[in-house]
Amino acid sequence: MKLQYYPETDSLYIDLSEKPSTDSEEIADGIVVDFDAERNIVGLDIQHASQHLAMENLETVSLPALNISIKT
């Protein structure tokens, strides 16, 4: 899983899979879900993220990560 913030559009993309997106659906105002060919969720786009999320805090709880990299 990858989190990518785009300051120029104030959007946060949560990449859940390496599979390509083949379809998208806006499920709420400014929240877009990307699907692969089998309709599995592969990503989430949160538009105007700083208005909806506490962007200064990122916390993981009980994450079974084997390899973590932090890029700034």
PDB file of N, CA and C in Angstrom:
ATOM      1  N   MET A   1       0.848  -1.162   0.000  1.00  0.00           N
ATOM      2  CA  MET A   1       0.000   0.000   0.000  1.00  0.00           C
ATOM      3  C   MET A   1       0.899   1.232   0.000  1.00  0.00           C
ATOM      4  N   LYS A   2       0.488   2.223  -0.791  1.00  0.00           N
ATOM      5  CA  LYS A   2       1.229   3.480  -0.864  1.00  0.00           C
ATOM      6  C   LYS A   2       0.267   4.634  -0.646  1.00  0.00           C
ATOM      7  N   LEU A   3       0.742   5.632   0.083  1.00  0.00           N
ATOM      8  CA  LEU A   3       0.000   6.873   0.261  1.00  0.00           C
ATOM      9  C   LEU A   3       0.749   7.956  -0.499  1.00  0.00           C
ATOM     10  N   GLN A   4       0.051   8.667  -1.367  1.00  0.00           N
ATOM     11  CA  GLN A   4       0.688   9.728  -2.137  1.00  0.00           C
ATOM     12  C   GLN A   4      -0.162  10.988  -2.014  1.00  0.00           C
ATOM     13  N   TYR A   5       0.438  12.050  -1.488  1.00  0.00           N
ATOM     14  CA  TYR A   5      -0.262  13.323  -1.369  1.00  0.00           C
ATOM     15  C   TYR A   5       0.198  14.258  -2.473  1.00  0.00           C
ATOM     16  N   TYR A   6      -0.753  14.901  -3.134  1.00  0.00           N
ATOM     17  CA  TYR A   6      -0.482  15.838  -4.214  1.00  0.00           C
ATOM     18  C   TYR A   6      -0.897  17.241  -3.757  1.00  0.00           C
ATOM     19  N   PRO A   7       0.061  18.056  -3.276  1.00  0.00           N
ATOM     20  CA  PRO A   7      -0.293  19.375  -2.734  1.00  0.00           C
ATOM     21  C   PRO A   7      -0.927  20.316  -3.762  1.00  0.00           C
ATOM     22  N   GLU A   8      -0.551  20.180  -5.037  1.00  0.00           N
ATOM     23  CA  GLU A   8      -1.093  21.082  -6.057  1.00  0.00           C
ATOM     24  C   GLU A   8      -2.602  20.902  -6.252  1.00  0.00           C
ATOM     25  N   THR A   9      -3.123  19.717  -5.930  1.00  0.00           N
ATOM     26  CA  THR A   9      -4.565  19.474  -6.037  1.00  0.00           C
ATOM     27  C   THR A   9      -5.193  19.154  -4.689  1.00  0.00           C
ATOM     28  N   ASP A  10      -4.379  19.123  -3.631  1.00  0.00           N
ATOM     29  CA  ASP A  10      -4.826  18.766  -2.284  1.00  0.00           C
ATOM     30  C   ASP A  10      -5.588  17.444  -2.296  1.00  0.00           C
ATOM     31  N   SER A  11      -4.995  16.457  -2.963  1.00  0.00           N
ATOM     32  CA  SER A  11      -5.629  15.138  -3.002  1.00  0.00           C
ATOM     33  C   SER A  11      -4.673  14.086  -2.440  1.00  0.00           C
ATOM     34  N   LEU A  12      -5.258  13.098  -1.808  1.00  0.00           N
ATOM     35  CA  LEU A  12      -4.508  11.975  -1.248  1.00  0.00           C
ATOM     36  C   LEU A  12      -4.929  10.728  -1.995  1.00  0.00           C
ATOM     37  N   TYR A  13      -3.954  10.026  -2.565  1.00  0.00           N
ATOM     38  CA  TYR A  13      -4.260   8.775  -3.250  1.00  0.00           C
ATOM     39  C   TYR A  13      -3.703   7.625  -2.421  1.00  0.00           C
ATOM     40  N   ILE A  14      -4.560   6.666  -2.125  1.00  0.00           N
ATOM     41  CA  ILE A  14      -4.167   5.469  -1.383  1.00  0.00           C
ATOM     42  C   ILE A  14      -4.157   4.330  -2.382  1.00  0.00           C
ATOM     43  N   ASP A  15      -2.969   3.888  -2.732  1.00  0.00           N
ATOM     44  CA  ASP A  15      -2.765   2.819  -3.719  1.00  0.00           C
ATOM     45  C   ASP A  15      -2.768   1.492  -2.972  1.00  0.00           C
ATOM     46  N   LEU A  16      -3.780   0.676  -3.210  1.00  0.00           N
ATOM     47  CA  LEU A  16      -3.943  -0.576  -2.483  1.00  0.00           C
ATOM     48  C   LEU A  16      -3.412  -1.789  -3.222  1.00  0.00           C
ATOM     49  N   SER A  17      -3.129  -1.648  -4.498  1.00  0.00           N
ATOM     50  CA  SER A  17      -2.718  -2.786  -5.316  1.00  0.00           C
ATOM     51  C   SER A  17      -1.850  -2.311  -6.469  1.00  0.00           C
ATOM     52  N   GLU A  18      -1.045  -3.196  -6.983  1.00  0.00           N
ATOM     53  CA  GLU A  18      -0.243  -2.869  -8.164  1.00  0.00           C
ATOM     54  C   GLU A  18      -1.022  -3.100  -9.452  1.00  0.00           C
ATOM     55  N   LYS A  19      -2.222  -3.672  -9.345  1.00  0.00           N
ATOM     56  CA  LYS A  19      -3.054  -3.893 -10.527  1.00  0.00           C
ATOM     57  C   LYS A  19      -3.540  -2.550 -11.062  1.00  0.00           C
ATOM     58  N   PRO A  20      -3.668  -2.439 -12.380  1.00  0.00           N
ATOM     59  CA  PRO A  20      -4.134  -1.173 -12.954  1.00  0.00           C
ATOM     60  C   PRO A  20      -5.627  -0.964 -12.727  1.00  0.00           C
ATOM     61  N   SER A  21      -5.991   0.281 -12.636  1.00  0.00           N
ATOM     62  CA  SER A  21      -7.389   0.647 -12.508  1.00  0.00           C
ATOM     63  C   SER A  21      -8.055   0.593 -13.880  1.00  0.00           C
ATOM     64  N   THR A  22      -9.242   0.008 -13.928  1.00  0.00           N
ATOM     65  CA  THR A  22      -9.996  -0.045 -15.184  1.00  0.00           C
ATOM     66  C   THR A  22     -11.318   0.697 -15.083  1.00  0.00           C
ATOM     67  N   ASP A  23     -11.705   1.068 -13.854  1.00  0.00           N
ATOM     68  CA  ASP A  23     -12.973   1.761 -13.650  1.00  0.00           C
ATOM     69  C   ASP A  23     -12.887   2.556 -12.357  1.00  0.00           C
ATOM     70  N   SER A  24     -13.643   3.625 -12.285  1.00  0.00           N
ATOM     71  CA  SER A  24     -13.678   4.467 -11.084  1.00  0.00           C
ATOM     72  C   SER A  24     -15.117   4.818 -10.770  1.00  0.00           C
ATOM     73  N   GLU A  25     -15.372   5.047  -9.484  1.00  0.00           N
ATOM     74  CA  GLU A  25     -16.712   5.425  -9.060  1.00  0.00           C
ATOM     75  C   GLU A  25     -16.608   6.390  -7.887  1.00  0.00           C
ATOM     76  N   GLU A  26     -17.296   7.520  -8.000  1.00  0.00           N
ATOM     77  CA  GLU A  26     -17.332   8.469  -6.890  1.00  0.00           C
ATOM     78  C   GLU A  26     -18.403   7.986  -5.920  1.00  0.00           C
ATOM     79  N   ILE A  27     -17.971   7.594  -4.721  1.00  0.00           N
ATOM     80  CA  ILE A  27     -18.906   7.019  -3.752  1.00  0.00           C
ATOM     81  C   ILE A  27     -19.459   8.060  -2.775  1.00  0.00           C
ATOM     82  N   ALA A  28     -18.809   9.192  -2.684  1.00  0.00           N
ATOM     83  CA  ALA A  28     -19.253  10.324  -1.876  1.00  0.00           C
ATOM     84  C   ALA A  28     -18.596  11.555  -2.483  1.00  0.00           C
ATOM     85  N   ASP A  29     -19.031  12.722  -2.085  1.00  0.00           N
ATOM     86  CA  ASP A  29     -18.476  13.949  -2.640  1.00  0.00           C
ATOM     87  C   ASP A  29     -16.966  14.004  -2.407  1.00  0.00           C
ATOM     88  N   GLY A  30     -16.189  13.921  -3.507  1.00  0.00           N
ATOM     89  CA  GLY A  30     -14.740  14.007  -3.421  1.00  0.00           C
ATOM     90  C   GLY A  30     -14.021  12.718  -3.060  1.00  0.00           C
ATOM     91  N   ILE A  31     -14.745  11.600  -2.967  1.00  0.00           N
ATOM     92  CA  ILE A  31     -14.128  10.300  -2.663  1.00  0.00           C
ATOM     93  C   ILE A  31     -14.349   9.378  -3.861  1.00  0.00           C
ATOM     94  N   VAL A  32     -13.244   9.017  -4.515  1.00  0.00           N
ATOM     95  CA  VAL A  32     -13.315   8.178  -5.716  1.00  0.00           C
ATOM     96  C   VAL A  32     -12.622   6.852  -5.443  1.00  0.00           C
ATOM     97  N   VAL A  33     -13.302   5.754  -5.780  1.00  0.00           N
ATOM     98  CA  VAL A  33     -12.753   4.411  -5.621  1.00  0.00           C
ATOM     99  C   VAL A  33     -12.362   3.903  -7.004  1.00  0.00           C
ATOM    100  N   ASP A  34     -11.144   3.390  -7.128  1.00  0.00           N
ATOM    101  CA  ASP A  34     -10.675   2.787  -8.377  1.00  0.00           C
ATOM    102  C   ASP A  34     -10.773   1.277  -8.275  1.00  0.00           C
ATOM    103  N   PHE A  35     -11.224   0.637  -9.361  1.00  0.00           N
ATOM    104  CA  PHE A  35     -11.401  -0.812  -9.419  1.00  0.00           C
ATOM    105  C   PHE A  35     -10.553  -1.416 -10.526  1.00  0.00           C
ATOM    106  N   ASP A  36     -10.153  -2.677 -10.340  1.00  0.00           N
ATOM    107  CA  ASP A  36      -9.485  -3.409 -11.412  1.00  0.00           C
ATOM    108  C   ASP A  36     -10.547  -4.088 -12.285  1.00  0.00           C
ATOM    109  N   ALA A  37     -10.118  -4.882 -13.233  1.00  0.00           N
ATOM    110  CA  ALA A  37     -11.034  -5.535 -14.176  1.00  0.00           C
ATOM    111  C   ALA A  37     -12.014  -6.488 -13.496  1.00  0.00           C
ATOM    112  N   GLU A  38     -11.646  -7.015 -12.322  1.00  0.00           N
ATOM    113  CA  GLU A  38     -12.522  -7.933 -11.583  1.00  0.00           C
ATOM    114  C   GLU A  38     -13.363  -7.214 -10.528  1.00  0.00           C
ATOM    115  N   ARG A  39     -13.343  -5.872 -10.552  1.00  0.00           N
ATOM    116  CA  ARG A  39     -14.071  -5.011  -9.598  1.00  0.00           C
ATOM    117  C   ARG A  39     -13.522  -5.088  -8.182  1.00  0.00           C
ATOM    118  N   ASN A  40     -12.244  -5.458  -8.043  1.00  0.00           N
ATOM    119  CA  ASN A  40     -11.567  -5.357  -6.757  1.00  0.00           C
ATOM    120  C   ASN A  40     -11.089  -3.923  -6.590  1.00  0.00           C
ATOM    121  N   ILE A  41     -11.141  -3.409  -5.365  1.00  0.00           N
ATOM    122  CA  ILE A  41     -10.681  -2.051  -5.114  1.00  0.00           C
ATOM    123  C   ILE A  41      -9.154  -2.013  -5.178  1.00  0.00           C
ATOM    124  N   VAL A  42      -8.629  -1.109  -6.005  1.00  0.00           N
ATOM    125  CA  VAL A  42      -7.173  -0.973  -6.136  1.00  0.00           C
ATOM    126  C   VAL A  42      -6.665   0.373  -5.638  1.00  0.00           C
ATOM    127  N   GLY A  43      -7.569   1.326  -5.397  1.00  0.00           N
ATOM    128  CA  GLY A  43      -7.125   2.616  -4.911  1.00  0.00           C
ATOM    129  C   GLY A  43      -8.272   3.514  -4.489  1.00  0.00           C
ATOM    130  N   LEU A  44      -7.923   4.499  -3.682  1.00  0.00           N
ATOM    131  CA  LEU A  44      -8.883   5.499  -3.216  1.00  0.00           C
ATOM    132  C   LEU A  44      -8.295   6.878  -3.446  1.00  0.00           C
ATOM    133  N   ASP A  45      -9.073   7.772  -3.997  1.00  0.00           N
ATOM    134  CA  ASP A  45      -8.651   9.152  -4.200  1.00  0.00           C
ATOM    135  C   ASP A  45      -9.526  10.034  -3.331  1.00  0.00           C
ATOM    136  N   ILE A  46      -8.895  10.783  -2.419  1.00  0.00           N
ATOM    137  CA  ILE A  46      -9.614  11.686  -1.536  1.00  0.00           C
ATOM    138  C   ILE A  46      -9.261  13.101  -1.962  1.00  0.00           C
ATOM    139  N   GLN A  47     -10.217  13.766  -2.600  1.00  0.00           N
ATOM    140  CA  GLN A  47     -10.015  15.131  -3.069  1.00  0.00           C
ATOM    141  C   GLN A  47     -10.259  16.112  -1.922  1.00  0.00           C
ATOM    142  N   HIS A  48      -9.526  17.223  -1.937  1.00  0.00           N
ATOM    143  CA  HIS A  48      -9.583  18.218  -0.856  1.00  0.00           C
ATOM    144  C   HIS A  48      -9.264  17.545   0.483  1.00  0.00           C
ATOM    145  N   ALA A  49      -8.224  16.746   0.475  1.00  0.00           N
ATOM    146  CA  ALA A  49      -7.864  15.897   1.619  1.00  0.00           C
ATOM    147  C   ALA A  49      -7.644  16.687   2.901  1.00  0.00           C
ATOM    148  N   SER A  50      -6.992  17.829   2.814  1.00  0.00           N
ATOM    149  CA  SER A  50      -6.699  18.586   4.032  1.00  0.00           C
ATOM    150  C   SER A  50      -7.958  19.132   4.695  1.00  0.00           C
ATOM    151  N   GLN A  51      -9.052  19.195   3.974  1.00  0.00           N
ATOM    152  CA  GLN A  51     -10.319  19.649   4.538  1.00  0.00           C
ATOM    153  C   GLN A  51     -11.060  18.516   5.246  1.00  0.00           C
ATOM    154  N   HIS A  52     -10.703  17.272   4.913  1.00  0.00           N
ATOM    155  CA  HIS A  52     -11.413  16.108   5.454  1.00  0.00           C
ATOM    156  C   HIS A  52     -10.584  15.281   6.431  1.00  0.00           C
ATOM    157  N   LEU A  53      -9.269  15.406   6.353  1.00  0.00           N
ATOM    158  CA  LEU A  53      -8.378  14.560   7.140  1.00  0.00           C
ATOM    159  C   LEU A  53      -7.391  15.400   7.947  1.00  0.00           C
ATOM    160  N   ALA A  54      -6.946  14.848   9.056  1.00  0.00           N
ATOM    161  CA  ALA A  54      -5.868  15.468   9.828  1.00  0.00           C
ATOM    162  C   ALA A  54      -4.558  15.055   9.160  1.00  0.00           C
ATOM    163  N   MET A  55      -4.142  15.831   8.180  1.00  0.00           N
ATOM    164  CA  MET A  55      -2.990  15.463   7.350  1.00  0.00           C
ATOM    165  C   MET A  55      -1.668  15.471   8.116  1.00  0.00           C
ATOM    166  N   GLU A  56      -1.605  16.162   9.247  1.00  0.00           N
ATOM    167  CA  GLU A  56      -0.361  16.214  10.007  1.00  0.00           C
ATOM    168  C   GLU A  56      -0.126  14.962  10.840  1.00  0.00           C
ATOM    169  N   ASN A  57      -1.132  14.107  10.956  1.00  0.00           N
ATOM    170  CA  ASN A  57      -1.000  12.882  11.758  1.00  0.00           C
ATOM    171  C   ASN A  57      -1.202  11.644  10.891  1.00  0.00           C
ATOM    172  N   LEU A  58      -0.221  10.768  10.914  1.00  0.00           N
ATOM    173  CA  LEU A  58      -0.342   9.480  10.251  1.00  0.00           C
ATOM    174  C   LEU A  58       0.094   8.434  11.257  1.00  0.00           C
ATOM    175  N   GLU A  59      -0.793   7.543  11.585  1.00  0.00           N
ATOM    176  CA  GLU A  59      -0.518   6.552  12.612  1.00  0.00           C
ATOM    177  C   GLU A  59      -0.892   5.169  12.084  1.00  0.00           C
ATOM    178  N   THR A  60      -0.039   4.206  12.347  1.00  0.00           N
ATOM    179  CA  THR A  60      -0.364   2.819  12.017  1.00  0.00           C
ATOM    180  C   THR A  60      -0.496   2.048  13.323  1.00  0.00           C
ATOM    181  N   VAL A  61      -1.441   1.156  13.345  1.00  0.00           N
ATOM    182  CA  VAL A  61      -1.688   0.359  14.539  1.00  0.00           C
ATOM    183  C   VAL A  61      -1.722  -1.108  14.122  1.00  0.00           C
ATOM    184  N   SER A  62      -0.856  -1.892  14.725  1.00  0.00           N
ATOM    185  CA  SER A  62      -0.810  -3.337  14.470  1.00  0.00           C
ATOM    186  C   SER A  62      -0.671  -3.664  12.985  1.00  0.00           C
ATOM    187  N   LEU A  63       0.190  -2.941  12.313  1.00  0.00           N
ATOM    188  CA  LEU A  63       0.415  -3.155  10.892  1.00  0.00           C
ATOM    189  C   LEU A  63       1.449  -4.253  10.697  1.00  0.00           C
ATOM    190  N   PRO A  64       1.096  -5.324  10.015  1.00  0.00           N
ATOM    191  CA  PRO A  64       2.039  -6.429   9.830  1.00  0.00           C
ATOM    192  C   PRO A  64       3.015  -6.176   8.672  1.00  0.00           C
ATOM    193  N   ALA A  65       3.642  -5.018   8.663  1.00  0.00           N
ATOM    194  CA  ALA A  65       4.551  -4.662   7.583  1.00  0.00           C
ATOM    195  C   ALA A  65       5.901  -5.351   7.751  1.00  0.00           C
ATOM    196  N   LEU A  66       6.382  -5.913   6.676  1.00  0.00           N
ATOM    197  CA  LEU A  66       7.689  -6.561   6.677  1.00  0.00           C
ATOM    198  C   LEU A  66       8.776  -5.622   6.189  1.00  0.00           C
ATOM    199  N   ASN A  67       8.398  -4.703   5.313  1.00  0.00           N
ATOM    200  CA  ASN A  67       9.372  -3.789   4.713  1.00  0.00           C
ATOM    201  C   ASN A  67       8.734  -2.419   4.649  1.00  0.00           C
ATOM    202  N   ILE A  68       9.237  -1.482   5.416  1.00  0.00           N
ATOM    203  CA  ILE A  68       8.670  -0.143   5.455  1.00  0.00           C
ATOM    204  C   ILE A  68       9.716   0.836   4.925  1.00  0.00           C
ATOM    205  N   SER A  69       9.285   1.706   3.999  1.00  0.00           N
ATOM    206  CA  SER A  69      10.162   2.783   3.557  1.00  0.00           C
ATOM    207  C   SER A  69       9.395   4.089   3.678  1.00  0.00           C
ATOM    208  N   ILE A  70      10.091   5.107   4.133  1.00  0.00           N
ATOM    209  CA  ILE A  70       9.483   6.419   4.287  1.00  0.00           C
ATOM    210  C   ILE A  70      10.217   7.369   3.380  1.00  0.00           C
ATOM    211  N   LYS A  71       9.442   8.005   2.476  1.00  0.00           N
ATOM    212  CA  LYS A  71      10.002   8.974   1.545  1.00  0.00           C
ATOM    213  C   LYS A  71       9.361  10.314   1.822  1.00  0.00           C
ATOM    214  N   THR A  72      10.172  11.356   1.803  1.00  0.00           N
ATOM    215  CA  THR A  72       9.620  12.695   2.026  1.00  0.00           C
ATOM    216  C   THR A  72       9.904  13.575   0.843  1.00  0.00           C
TER     217      THR A  72
END
